Protein backbone atom coordinates (compact mmCIF):
# COMPACT_ATOMS: atom_id res chain seq x y z
CA MET A 1 79.41 -13.06 -63.53
CA SER A 2 80.91 -15.94 -60.45
CA SER A 3 82.02 -18.79 -61.30
CA SER A 4 79.90 -20.30 -58.79
CA ARG A 5 76.74 -18.78 -61.29
CA LEU A 6 78.68 -19.99 -64.46
CA ALA A 7 79.11 -24.14 -62.86
CA VAL A 8 74.95 -23.43 -62.02
CA ALA A 9 74.27 -22.09 -66.09
CA VAL A 10 76.87 -25.12 -67.19
CA PHE A 11 75.31 -27.59 -64.84
CA GLY A 12 71.99 -26.79 -66.41
CA VAL A 13 72.15 -27.29 -70.04
CA MET A 14 74.04 -30.22 -69.65
CA LEU A 15 70.63 -31.82 -67.28
CA LEU A 16 68.41 -30.42 -70.08
CA SER A 17 70.63 -31.50 -73.15
CA ALA A 18 70.40 -35.13 -71.15
CA CYS A 19 67.20 -35.05 -70.95
CA SER A 20 66.12 -34.18 -74.51
CA PRO A 21 66.31 -38.00 -76.16
CA GLU A 22 63.42 -38.41 -73.74
CA LEU A 23 61.88 -35.36 -74.49
CA ASP A 24 61.46 -36.47 -78.48
CA GLU A 25 60.60 -40.46 -77.27
CA LEU A 26 57.59 -38.40 -75.13
CA GLN A 27 56.92 -35.65 -78.28
CA GLN A 28 56.10 -38.52 -80.81
CA TRP A 29 54.05 -40.91 -78.70
CA ALA A 30 51.82 -38.29 -78.07
CA GLU A 31 51.90 -37.49 -81.50
CA ASN A 32 50.65 -40.48 -81.81
CA GLU A 33 48.08 -41.25 -79.86
CA ARG A 34 46.53 -37.84 -81.97
CA ARG A 35 46.70 -39.68 -84.71
CA THR A 36 45.50 -42.92 -83.93
CA ALA A 37 42.63 -41.67 -81.70
CA LYS A 38 38.96 -41.22 -82.46
CA PRO A 39 36.78 -39.20 -80.66
CA SER A 40 32.98 -40.94 -80.18
CA VAL A 41 30.23 -37.87 -80.37
CA GLN A 42 26.92 -38.54 -80.72
CA ALA A 43 24.94 -36.69 -83.20
CA LEU A 44 22.08 -34.56 -82.04
CA SER A 45 18.78 -35.45 -82.33
CA PRO A 46 16.42 -32.90 -84.49
CA PRO A 47 14.49 -30.59 -82.52
CA LYS A 48 10.71 -31.05 -81.77
CA LYS A 49 8.53 -29.24 -84.42
CA PHE A 50 6.56 -26.34 -81.94
CA LEU A 51 3.37 -26.23 -82.65
CA PRO A 52 1.51 -22.81 -81.32
CA GLN A 53 -2.00 -22.94 -79.97
CA ALA A 54 -4.59 -20.19 -79.40
CA TYR A 55 -4.96 -19.00 -76.47
CA GLU A 56 -9.41 -19.58 -75.56
CA ALA A 57 -9.79 -18.40 -72.49
CA LEU A 58 -9.95 -15.14 -72.70
CA GLU A 59 -13.82 -14.98 -72.62
CA GLY A 60 -14.05 -16.67 -68.88
CA ILE A 61 -13.55 -14.67 -65.96
CA GLU A 62 -9.55 -14.42 -64.56
CA PRO A 63 -8.77 -16.68 -61.95
CA PHE A 64 -7.64 -14.01 -59.58
CA SER A 65 -10.36 -11.35 -59.99
CA THR A 66 -12.31 -9.75 -57.62
CA GLN A 67 -14.99 -10.83 -60.16
CA LYS A 68 -14.87 -14.05 -59.08
CA LEU A 69 -14.54 -13.71 -55.53
CA SER A 70 -17.92 -11.23 -55.97
CA VAL A 71 -20.10 -13.88 -57.65
CA ALA A 72 -18.15 -17.04 -54.60
CA VAL A 73 -19.48 -14.60 -52.26
CA LYS A 74 -23.03 -13.67 -54.08
CA GLN A 75 -23.92 -17.55 -54.23
CA GLU A 76 -22.17 -18.30 -50.19
CA ALA A 77 -24.80 -15.64 -49.35
CA ALA A 78 -27.94 -16.53 -51.53
CA GLN A 79 -27.71 -20.81 -49.48
CA PRO A 80 -30.41 -20.55 -46.61
CA ASN A 81 -28.22 -22.03 -43.64
CA SER A 82 -24.88 -19.60 -44.52
CA MET A 83 -22.83 -18.17 -42.67
CA LEU A 84 -22.34 -15.08 -44.99
CA ALA A 85 -26.27 -14.19 -45.07
CA ALA A 86 -26.02 -12.00 -42.33
CA GLU A 87 -23.30 -10.60 -43.02
CA MET A 88 -24.07 -9.53 -46.91
CA GLY A 89 -27.06 -7.69 -45.67
CA ARG A 90 -25.86 -5.76 -42.85
CA ARG A 91 -23.97 -2.22 -43.14
CA ARG A 92 -20.00 -1.78 -43.43
CA GLU A 93 -18.38 -0.63 -41.03
CA PRO A 94 -15.70 1.83 -41.35
CA LEU A 95 -12.28 -0.04 -41.00
CA GLU A 96 -13.71 -3.32 -42.25
CA SER A 97 -12.05 -1.60 -45.28
CA TYR A 98 -8.40 -2.13 -44.15
CA PRO A 99 -7.05 -4.94 -44.31
CA LEU A 100 -5.83 -6.80 -39.97
CA ASP A 101 -2.28 -6.32 -41.03
CA GLY A 102 -2.63 -2.79 -41.28
CA MET A 103 -4.41 -2.60 -38.02
CA HIS A 104 -2.27 -2.25 -34.66
CA MET A 105 -3.53 -1.74 -31.21
CA VAL A 106 -1.78 0.75 -29.16
CA GLY A 107 -4.01 0.26 -25.76
CA SER A 108 -7.36 -0.52 -23.71
CA MET A 109 -9.70 1.38 -21.49
CA SER A 110 -12.59 1.28 -19.59
CA LYS A 111 -15.63 2.66 -20.35
CA ASP A 112 -18.70 2.88 -18.42
CA GLY A 113 -18.27 -0.93 -17.49
CA ARG A 114 -16.68 -1.97 -21.31
CA ARG A 115 -13.49 -2.19 -22.65
CA HIS A 116 -12.83 -0.45 -25.20
CA ALA A 117 -9.49 -1.01 -27.63
CA ILE A 118 -7.16 1.52 -29.51
CA LEU A 119 -6.49 0.65 -32.60
CA LYS A 120 -4.31 2.77 -35.28
CA VAL A 121 -5.43 2.89 -39.02
CA ASP A 122 -3.48 4.71 -41.45
CA ASN A 123 -2.14 7.38 -38.21
CA LEU A 124 -5.39 7.37 -36.87
CA LEU A 125 -6.55 6.47 -34.15
CA TYR A 126 -10.13 4.84 -34.00
CA TYR A 127 -11.93 3.54 -30.36
CA VAL A 128 -13.65 -0.30 -31.15
CA LYS A 129 -15.47 -1.98 -28.72
CA SER A 130 -16.92 -5.91 -28.77
CA GLY A 131 -19.45 -6.93 -31.49
CA ASP A 132 -17.24 -4.17 -34.11
CA TYR A 133 -16.63 -5.54 -37.11
CA ILE A 134 -12.82 -4.72 -38.53
CA GLY A 135 -10.55 -6.41 -41.20
CA GLN A 136 -11.83 -7.56 -44.58
CA ASN A 137 -12.38 -11.34 -43.06
CA PHE A 138 -15.80 -10.39 -42.42
CA GLY A 139 -13.83 -10.13 -38.78
CA ARG A 140 -16.34 -8.65 -35.61
CA ILE A 141 -15.14 -8.00 -32.39
CA LEU A 142 -15.34 -11.05 -29.87
CA THR A 143 -13.37 -9.90 -26.78
CA ILE A 144 -11.10 -7.09 -25.59
CA ASP A 145 -8.51 -7.18 -22.88
CA GLU A 146 -5.79 -4.97 -21.31
CA ALA A 147 -2.85 -6.53 -23.99
CA GLU A 148 -5.08 -8.04 -27.45
CA ILE A 149 -8.25 -8.23 -28.91
CA LYS A 150 -9.72 -11.45 -29.81
CA LEU A 151 -12.00 -10.68 -33.82
CA ARG A 152 -13.85 -14.20 -35.59
CA GLU A 153 -13.03 -14.15 -39.41
CA ILE A 154 -14.97 -15.61 -41.77
CA VAL A 155 -12.86 -17.06 -44.50
CA GLN A 156 -12.75 -19.55 -47.46
CA ASP A 157 -10.33 -22.93 -46.40
CA PRO A 158 -8.94 -24.97 -49.28
CA SER A 159 -11.61 -26.83 -50.55
CA GLY A 160 -13.82 -23.35 -50.66
CA GLU A 161 -16.18 -23.85 -47.78
CA TRP A 162 -16.58 -20.97 -45.43
CA VAL A 163 -15.74 -21.28 -42.34
CA GLU A 164 -15.27 -19.28 -39.06
CA ARG A 165 -11.11 -18.72 -37.59
CA VAL A 166 -10.46 -16.48 -34.94
CA SER A 167 -7.42 -13.94 -34.09
CA THR A 168 -6.78 -12.21 -32.73
CA LEU A 169 -4.88 -7.92 -32.32
CA THR A 170 -2.49 -7.65 -30.00
CA LEU A 171 -0.73 -4.47 -28.27
CA GLN A 172 1.95 -3.04 -29.74
CA GLU A 173 4.72 -1.86 -28.38
CA ALA A 174 5.97 1.58 -29.03
CA ALA A 175 8.94 2.60 -30.87
CA ARG A 176 11.72 3.80 -28.66
């Protein structure tokens, strides 16, 4: 071992021995504080007693069932000035069993002076014209132009009233 390393080691031992009385005082103070400190922990309140309740709504109609919706539609259709009365009395068209978001307008054409649109639904093509019904909300096509189809739907608003809403299907560009 070289003399410089030996000198550093001797100096370190002397430095540690000089701090020894201060360490003893610090340890005594810490021990004294541990003995005198009294923690204050509040006791937990006892848990509330749980009383199970029997579910009594099994006999009622489920709030999200199709049965409830069909009952509401029939009640509305029975009203004399209802928008749904005429819709419920007519024969349903094939494209009324598909939702609008599953339909894609892929083209349009003129035939005998009337504009027709080409819809793609489940990888099948359908030709539609103004007056045809599409979608699940009694959607009736109002107008067709080169790039979009405008239709009128009958939907329930948040208050439960049946209202007309104008929707559009726009031309979908081919994926490249």
